[in-house]
PDB file of N, CA and C in Angstrom:
ATOM      1  N   MET A   1       0.830  -1.186   0.000  1.00  0.00           N
ATOM      2  CA  MET A   1       0.000   0.000   0.000  1.00  0.00           C
ATOM      3  C   MET A   1       0.874   1.250   0.000  1.00  0.00           C
ATOM      4  N   ASN A   2       0.297   2.296  -0.437  1.00  0.00           N
ATOM      5  CA  ASN A   2       0.976   3.579  -0.481  1.00  0.00           C
ATOM      6  C   ASN A   2       1.170   4.118   0.943  1.00  0.00           C
ATOM      7  N   LYS A   3       2.344   4.643   1.245  1.00  0.00           N
ATOM      8  CA  LYS A   3       2.625   5.152   2.594  1.00  0.00           C
ATOM      9  C   LYS A   3       1.743   6.344   2.943  1.00  0.00           C
ATOM     10  N   GLU A   4       1.416   7.146   1.952  1.00  0.00           N
ATOM     11  CA  GLU A   4       0.541   8.298   2.196  1.00  0.00           C
ATOM     12  C   GLU A   4      -0.866   7.833   2.566  1.00  0.00           C
ATOM     13  N   LEU A   5      -1.347   6.800   1.907  1.00  0.00           N
ATOM     14  CA  LEU A   5      -2.671   6.251   2.208  1.00  0.00           C
ATOM     15  C   LEU A   5      -2.703   5.652   3.610  1.00  0.00           C
ATOM     16  N   ILE A   6      -1.643   4.956   3.976  1.00  0.00           N
ATOM     17  CA  ILE A   6      -1.562   4.383   5.321  1.00  0.00           C
ATOM     18  C   ILE A   6      -1.544   5.491   6.372  1.00  0.00           C
ATOM     19  N   ALA A   7      -0.830   6.575   6.109  1.00  0.00           N
ATOM     20  CA  ALA A   7      -0.789   7.703   7.050  1.00  0.00           C
ATOM     21  C   ALA A   7      -2.169   8.336   7.206  1.00  0.00           C
ATOM     22  N   LYS A   8      -2.908   8.462   6.105  1.00  0.00           N
ATOM     23  CA  LYS A   8      -4.264   9.019   6.178  1.00  0.00           C
ATOM     24  C   LYS A   8      -5.191   8.101   6.968  1.00  0.00           C
ATOM     25  N   GLN A   9      -5.052   6.789   6.774  1.00  0.00           N
ATOM     26  CA  GLN A   9      -5.887   5.843   7.510  1.00  0.00           C
ATOM     27  C   GLN A   9      -5.568   5.877   8.998  1.00  0.00           C
ATOM     28  N   LYS A  10      -4.297   6.001   9.342  1.00  0.00           N
ATOM     29  CA  LYS A  10      -3.920   6.109  10.753  1.00  0.00           C
ATOM     30  C   LYS A  10      -4.487   7.380  11.373  1.00  0.00           C
ATOM     31  N   LYS A  11      -4.447   8.482  10.623  1.00  0.00           N
ATOM     32  CA  LYS A  11      -4.995   9.742  11.120  1.00  0.00           C
ATOM     33  C   LYS A  11      -6.500   9.611  11.351  1.00  0.00           C
ATOM     34  N   PHE A  12      -7.204   8.972  10.400  1.00  0.00           N
ATOM     35  CA  PHE A  12      -8.645   8.787  10.544  1.00  0.00           C
ATOM     36  C   PHE A  12      -8.966   7.913  11.750  1.00  0.00           C
ATOM     37  N   LEU A  13      -8.260   6.790  11.892  1.00  0.00           N
ATOM     38  CA  LEU A  13      -8.515   5.908  13.033  1.00  0.00           C
ATOM     39  C   LEU A  13      -8.188   6.603  14.349  1.00  0.00           C
ATOM     40  N   GLY A  14      -7.133   7.409  14.364  1.00  0.00           N
ATOM     41  CA  GLY A  14      -6.801   8.166  15.566  1.00  0.00           C
ATOM     42  C   GLY A  14      -7.886   9.161  15.932  1.00  0.00           C
ATOM     43  N   LEU A  15      -8.423   9.846  14.929  1.00  0.00           N
ATOM     44  CA  LEU A  15      -9.516  10.791  15.193  1.00  0.00           C
ATOM     45  C   LEU A  15     -10.779  10.069  15.642  1.00  0.00           C
ATOM     46  N   PHE A  16     -11.070   8.918  15.025  1.00  0.00           N
ATOM     47  CA  PHE A  16     -12.284   8.177  15.369  1.00  0.00           C
ATOM     48  C   PHE A  16     -12.231   7.682  16.811  1.00  0.00           C
ATOM     49  N   PHE A  17     -11.176   6.951  17.147  1.00  0.00           N
ATOM     50  CA  PHE A  17     -11.080   6.414  18.504  1.00  0.00           C
ATOM     51  C   PHE A  17     -10.772   7.512  19.519  1.00  0.00           C
ATOM     52  N   GLY A  18     -10.046   8.532  19.107  1.00  0.00           N
ATOM     53  CA  GLY A  18      -9.786   9.660  19.992  1.00  0.00           C
ATOM     54  C   GLY A  18     -11.046  10.432  20.335  1.00  0.00           C
ATOM     55  N   SER A  19     -11.948  10.550  19.348  1.00  0.00           N
ATOM     56  CA  SER A  19     -13.201  11.259  19.626  1.00  0.00           C
ATOM     57  C   SER A  19     -14.043  10.495  20.636  1.00  0.00           C
ATOM     58  N   TRP A  20     -14.078   9.179  20.527  1.00  0.00           N
ATOM     59  CA  TRP A  20     -14.828   8.391  21.511  1.00  0.00           C
ATOM     60  C   TRP A  20     -14.182   8.464  22.887  1.00  0.00           C
ATOM     61  N   ALA A  21     -12.854   8.477  22.920  1.00  0.00           N
ATOM     62  CA  ALA A  21     -12.163   8.619  24.204  1.00  0.00           C
ATOM     63  C   ALA A  21     -12.476   9.977  24.830  1.00  0.00           C
ATOM     64  N   LEU A  22     -12.494  11.037  24.016  1.00  0.00           N
ATOM     65  CA  LEU A  22     -12.838  12.362  24.538  1.00  0.00           C
ATOM     66  C   LEU A  22     -14.272  12.404  25.052  1.00  0.00           C
ATOM     67  N   ILE A  23     -15.191  11.756  24.348  1.00  0.00           N
ATOM     68  CA  ILE A  23     -16.583  11.728  24.804  1.00  0.00           C
ATOM     69  C   ILE A  23     -16.677  11.057  26.165  1.00  0.00           C
ATOM     70  N   VAL A  24     -16.003   9.926  26.329  1.00  0.00           N
ATOM     71  CA  VAL A  24     -16.053   9.204  27.605  1.00  0.00           C
ATOM     72  C   VAL A  24     -15.418  10.033  28.720  1.00  0.00           C
ATOM     73  N   ILE A  25     -14.274  10.645  28.437  1.00  0.00           N
ATOM     74  CA  ILE A  25     -13.598  11.463  29.455  1.00  0.00           C
ATOM     75  C   ILE A  25     -14.446  12.683  29.815  1.00  0.00           C
ATOM     76  N   ASN A  26     -14.991  13.370  28.814  1.00  0.00           N
ATOM     77  CA  ASN A  26     -15.838  14.539  29.085  1.00  0.00           C
ATOM     78  C   ASN A  26     -17.082  14.143  29.865  1.00  0.00           C
ATOM     79  N   TRP A  27     -17.670  13.005  29.516  1.00  0.00           N
ATOM     80  CA  TRP A  27     -18.857  12.524  30.225  1.00  0.00           C
ATOM     81  C   TRP A  27     -18.528  12.312  31.701  1.00  0.00           C
ATOM     82  N   GLN A  28     -17.397  11.668  31.976  1.00  0.00           N
ATOM     83  CA  GLN A  28     -17.003  11.400  33.356  1.00  0.00           C
ATOM     84  C   GLN A  28     -16.742  12.694  34.121  1.00  0.00           C
ATOM     85  N   VAL A  29     -16.036  13.625  33.507  1.00  0.00           N
ATOM     86  CA  VAL A  29     -15.717  14.889  34.179  1.00  0.00           C
ATOM     87  C   VAL A  29     -16.988  15.682  34.470  1.00  0.00           C
ATOM     88  N   LEU A  30     -17.860  15.815  33.488  1.00  0.00           N
ATOM     89  CA  LEU A  30     -19.090  16.582  33.711  1.00  0.00           C
ATOM     90  C   LEU A  30     -20.027  15.874  34.683  1.00  0.00           C
ATOM     91  N   TRP A  31     -20.017  14.537  34.682  1.00  0.00           N
ATOM     92  CA  TRP A  31     -20.833  13.809  35.646  1.00  0.00           C
ATOM     93  C   TRP A  31     -20.315  14.060  37.058  1.00  0.00           C
ATOM     94  N   GLU A  32     -18.983  14.090  37.234  1.00  0.00           N
ATOM     95  CA  GLU A  32     -18.403  14.382  38.547  1.00  0.00           C
ATOM     96  C   GLU A  32     -18.750  15.802  38.993  1.00  0.00           C
ATOM     97  N   ILE A  33     -18.693  16.753  38.075  1.00  0.00           N
ATOM     98  CA  ILE A  33     -19.050  18.136  38.409  1.00  0.00           C
ATOM     99  C   ILE A  33     -20.517  18.218  38.812  1.00  0.00           C
ATOM    100  N   GLU A  34     -21.374  17.550  38.050  1.00  0.00           N
ATOM    101  CA  GLU A  34     -22.801  17.559  38.379  1.00  0.00           C
ATOM    102  C   GLU A  34     -23.049  16.915  39.741  1.00  0.00           C
ATOM    103  N   TYR A  35     -22.376  15.817  40.021  1.00  0.00           N
ATOM    104  CA  TYR A  35     -22.520  15.134  41.308  1.00  0.00           C
ATOM    105  C   TYR A  35     -22.050  16.034  42.451  1.00  0.00           C
ATOM    106  N   TYR A  36     -20.935  16.721  42.243  1.00  0.00           N
ATOM    107  CA  TYR A  36     -20.399  17.633  43.252  1.00  0.00           C
ATOM    108  C   TYR A  36     -21.373  18.778  43.516  1.00  0.00           C
ATOM    109  N   LEU A  37     -21.898  19.383  42.444  1.00  0.00           N
ATOM    110  CA  LEU A  37     -22.822  20.500  42.617  1.00  0.00           C
ATOM    111  C   LEU A  37     -24.135  20.058  43.251  1.00  0.00           C
ATOM    112  N   ALA A  38     -24.590  18.858  42.935  1.00  0.00           N
ATOM    113  CA  ALA A  38     -25.842  18.367  43.503  1.00  0.00           C
ATOM    114  C   ALA A  38     -25.701  18.121  45.000  1.00  0.00           C
ATOM    115  N   ASN A  39     -24.522  17.733  45.457  1.00  0.00           N
ATOM    116  CA  ASN A  39     -24.317  17.473  46.882  1.00  0.00           C
ATOM    117  C   ASN A  39     -24.190  18.748  47.702  1.00  0.00           C
ATOM    118  N   PHE A  40     -23.646  19.801  47.119  1.00  0.00           N
ATOM    119  CA  PHE A  40     -23.380  21.014  47.890  1.00  0.00           C
ATOM    120  C   PHE A  40     -24.322  22.166  47.579  1.00  0.00           C
ATOM    121  N   SER A  41     -25.264  21.936  46.723  1.00  0.00           N
ATOM    122  CA  SER A  41     -26.189  22.999  46.372  1.00  0.00           C
ATOM    123  C   SER A  41     -27.612  22.474  46.506  1.00  0.00           C
ATOM    124  N   THR A  42     -28.419  23.179  47.254  1.00  0.00           N
ATOM    125  CA  THR A  42     -29.800  22.748  47.394  1.00  0.00           C
ATOM    126  C   THR A  42     -30.601  23.202  46.181  1.00  0.00           C
ATOM    127  N   GLY A  43     -31.384  22.334  45.673  1.00  0.00           N
ATOM    128  CA  GLY A  43     -32.232  22.669  44.541  1.00  0.00           C
ATOM    129  C   GLY A  43     -31.525  22.635  43.202  1.00  0.00           C
ATOM    130  N   TYR A  44     -30.293  22.158  43.166  1.00  0.00           N
ATOM    131  CA  TYR A  44     -29.577  22.097  41.883  1.00  0.00           C
ATOM    132  C   TYR A  44     -29.887  20.774  41.201  1.00  0.00           C
ATOM    133  N   GLU A  45     -30.329  20.883  39.980  1.00  0.00           N
ATOM    134  CA  GLU A  45     -30.535  19.682  39.173  1.00  0.00           C
ATOM    135  C   GLU A  45     -30.344  20.066  37.715  1.00  0.00           C
ATOM    136  N   MET A  46     -29.374  19.478  37.088  1.00  0.00           N
ATOM    137  CA  MET A  46     -29.094  19.781  35.688  1.00  0.00           C
ATOM    138  C   MET A  46     -29.919  18.856  34.810  1.00  0.00           C
ATOM    139  N   GLU A  47     -30.489  19.411  33.790  1.00  0.00           N
ATOM    140  CA  GLU A  47     -31.263  18.604  32.858  1.00  0.00           C
ATOM    141  C   GLU A  47     -30.340  17.658  32.117  1.00  0.00           C
ATOM    142  N   ARG A  48     -30.804  16.449  31.867  1.00  0.00           N
ATOM    143  CA  ARG A  48     -29.993  15.461  31.159  1.00  0.00           C
ATOM    144  C   ARG A  48     -29.675  15.925  29.741  1.00  0.00           C
ATOM    145  N   GLY A  49     -30.611  16.560  29.087  1.00  0.00           N
ATOM    146  CA  GLY A  49     -30.376  17.041  27.732  1.00  0.00           C
ATOM    147  C   GLY A  49     -29.290  18.098  27.689  1.00  0.00           C
ATOM    148  N   ALA A  50     -29.281  18.973  28.678  1.00  0.00           N
ATOM    149  CA  ALA A  50     -28.252  20.013  28.736  1.00  0.00           C
ATOM    150  C   ALA A  50     -26.879  19.397  28.965  1.00  0.00           C
ATOM    151  N   LEU A  51     -26.814  18.361  29.779  1.00  0.00           N
ATOM    152  CA  LEU A  51     -25.541  17.685  30.028  1.00  0.00           C
ATOM    153  C   LEU A  51     -25.018  17.028  28.756  1.00  0.00           C
ATOM    154  N   ILE A  52     -25.883  16.384  28.017  1.00  0.00           N
ATOM    155  CA  ILE A  52     -25.480  15.724  26.774  1.00  0.00           C
ATOM    156  C   ILE A  52     -25.015  16.750  25.747  1.00  0.00           C
ATOM    157  N   ILE A  53     -25.732  17.858  25.635  1.00  0.00           N
ATOM    158  CA  ILE A  53     -25.324  18.914  24.701  1.00  0.00           C
ATOM    159  C   ILE A  53     -23.968  19.487  25.102  1.00  0.00           C
ATOM    160  N   CYS A  54     -23.746  19.705  26.387  1.00  0.00           N
ATOM    161  CA  CYS A  54     -22.453  20.211  26.855  1.00  0.00           C
ATOM    162  C   CYS A  54     -21.328  19.236  26.528  1.00  0.00           C
ATOM    163  N   ILE A  55     -21.574  17.956  26.722  1.00  0.00           N
ATOM    164  CA  ILE A  55     -20.545  16.949  26.451  1.00  0.00           C
ATOM    165  C   ILE A  55     -20.165  16.948  24.983  1.00  0.00           C
ATOM    166  N   PHE A  56     -21.152  16.907  24.096  1.00  0.00           N
ATOM    167  CA  PHE A  56     -20.839  16.847  22.676  1.00  0.00           C
ATOM    168  C   PHE A  56     -20.280  18.171  22.158  1.00  0.00           C
ATOM    169  N   ALA A  57     -20.737  19.296  22.692  1.00  0.00           N
ATOM    170  CA  ALA A  57     -20.177  20.586  22.277  1.00  0.00           C
ATOM    171  C   ALA A  57     -18.716  20.698  22.704  1.00  0.00           C
ATOM    172  N   LEU A  58     -18.414  20.279  23.911  1.00  0.00           N
ATOM    173  CA  LEU A  58     -17.035  20.298  24.388  1.00  0.00           C
ATOM    174  C   LEU A  58     -16.158  19.360  23.565  1.00  0.00           C
ATOM    175  N   THR A  59     -16.670  18.194  23.229  1.00  0.00           N
ATOM    176  CA  THR A  59     -15.912  17.233  22.421  1.00  0.00           C
ATOM    177  C   THR A  59     -15.656  17.771  21.024  1.00  0.00           C
ATOM    178  N   ILE A  60     -16.651  18.377  20.409  1.00  0.00           N
ATOM    179  CA  ILE A  60     -16.473  18.948  19.069  1.00  0.00           C
ATOM    180  C   ILE A  60     -15.433  20.062  19.108  1.00  0.00           C
ATOM    181  N   PHE A  61     -15.487  20.907  20.130  1.00  0.00           N
ATOM    182  CA  PHE A  61     -14.492  21.971  20.257  1.00  0.00           C
ATOM    183  C   PHE A  61     -13.092  21.396  20.423  1.00  0.00           C
ATOM    184  N   GLN A  62     -12.949  20.376  21.265  1.00  0.00           N
ATOM    185  CA  GLN A  62     -11.641  19.762  21.478  1.00  0.00           C
ATOM    186  C   GLN A  62     -11.119  19.121  20.201  1.00  0.00           C
ATOM    187  N   LEU A  63     -11.979  18.444  19.455  1.00  0.00           N
ATOM    188  CA  LEU A  63     -11.555  17.831  18.193  1.00  0.00           C
ATOM    189  C   LEU A  63     -11.159  18.891  17.174  1.00  0.00           C
ATOM    190  N   TRP A  64     -11.865  20.001  17.153  1.00  0.00           N
ATOM    191  CA  TRP A  64     -11.517  21.088  16.241  1.00  0.00           C
ATOM    192  C   TRP A  64     -10.131  21.639  16.563  1.00  0.00           C
ATOM    193  N   VAL A  65      -9.864  21.842  17.852  1.00  0.00           N
ATOM    194  CA  VAL A  65      -8.552  22.348  18.258  1.00  0.00           C
ATOM    195  C   VAL A  65      -7.458  21.344  17.895  1.00  0.00           C
ATOM    196  N   ILE A  66      -7.693  20.075  18.148  1.00  0.00           N
ATOM    197  CA  ILE A  66      -6.707  19.044  17.809  1.00  0.00           C
ATOM    198  C   ILE A  66      -6.456  19.024  16.311  1.00  0.00           C
ATOM    199  N   TYR A  67      -7.504  19.052  15.531  1.00  0.00           N
ATOM    200  CA  TYR A  67      -7.344  18.975  14.082  1.00  0.00           C
ATOM    201  C   TYR A  67      -6.677  20.228  13.527  1.00  0.00           C
ATOM    202  N   LYS A  68      -7.073  21.387  14.031  1.00  0.00           N
ATOM    203  CA  LYS A  68      -6.554  22.647  13.493  1.00  0.00           C
ATOM    204  C   LYS A  68      -5.102  22.891  13.879  1.00  0.00           C
ATOM    205  N   TYR A  69      -4.767  22.666  15.124  1.00  0.00           N
ATOM    206  CA  TYR A  69      -3.451  23.074  15.604  1.00  0.00           C
ATOM    207  C   TYR A  69      -2.432  21.936  15.709  1.00  0.00           C
ATOM    208  N   ILE A  70      -2.874  20.696  15.796  1.00  0.00           N
ATOM    209  CA  ILE A  70      -1.921  19.599  15.963  1.00  0.00           C
ATOM    210  C   ILE A  70      -1.762  18.790  14.683  1.00  0.00           C
ATOM    211  N   LEU A  71      -2.850  18.395  14.071  1.00  0.00           N
ATOM    212  CA  LEU A  71      -2.764  17.505  12.916  1.00  0.00           C
ATOM    213  C   LEU A  71      -2.417  18.227  11.624  1.00  0.00           C
ATOM    214  N   LYS A  72      -2.562  19.529  11.559  1.00  0.00           N
ATOM    215  CA  LYS A  72      -2.267  20.265  10.335  1.00  0.00           C
ATOM    216  C   LYS A  72      -0.783  20.597  10.179  1.00  0.00           C
ATOM    217  N   LYS A  73       0.026  20.287  11.171  1.00  0.00           N
ATOM    218  CA  LYS A  73       1.459  20.616  11.093  1.00  0.00           C
ATOM    219  C   LYS A  73       2.168  19.697  10.138  1.00  0.00           C
TER     220      LYS A  73
END
């Protein structure tokens, strides 16, 4: 196979599995923050939809930064 094609496939697989890793890490971090705020704040309850939107928005931003500033070099 062509070395350039192999490099592109590695980049794609890295982005694919890296994006899932970021989603899992962001989910865990935001879940911990929500748990912390729920324990120390009376009446605090974050909507599940808002949490999911925050997780995916944060992941998309992180992937954009990785792609723009790291992978384009």
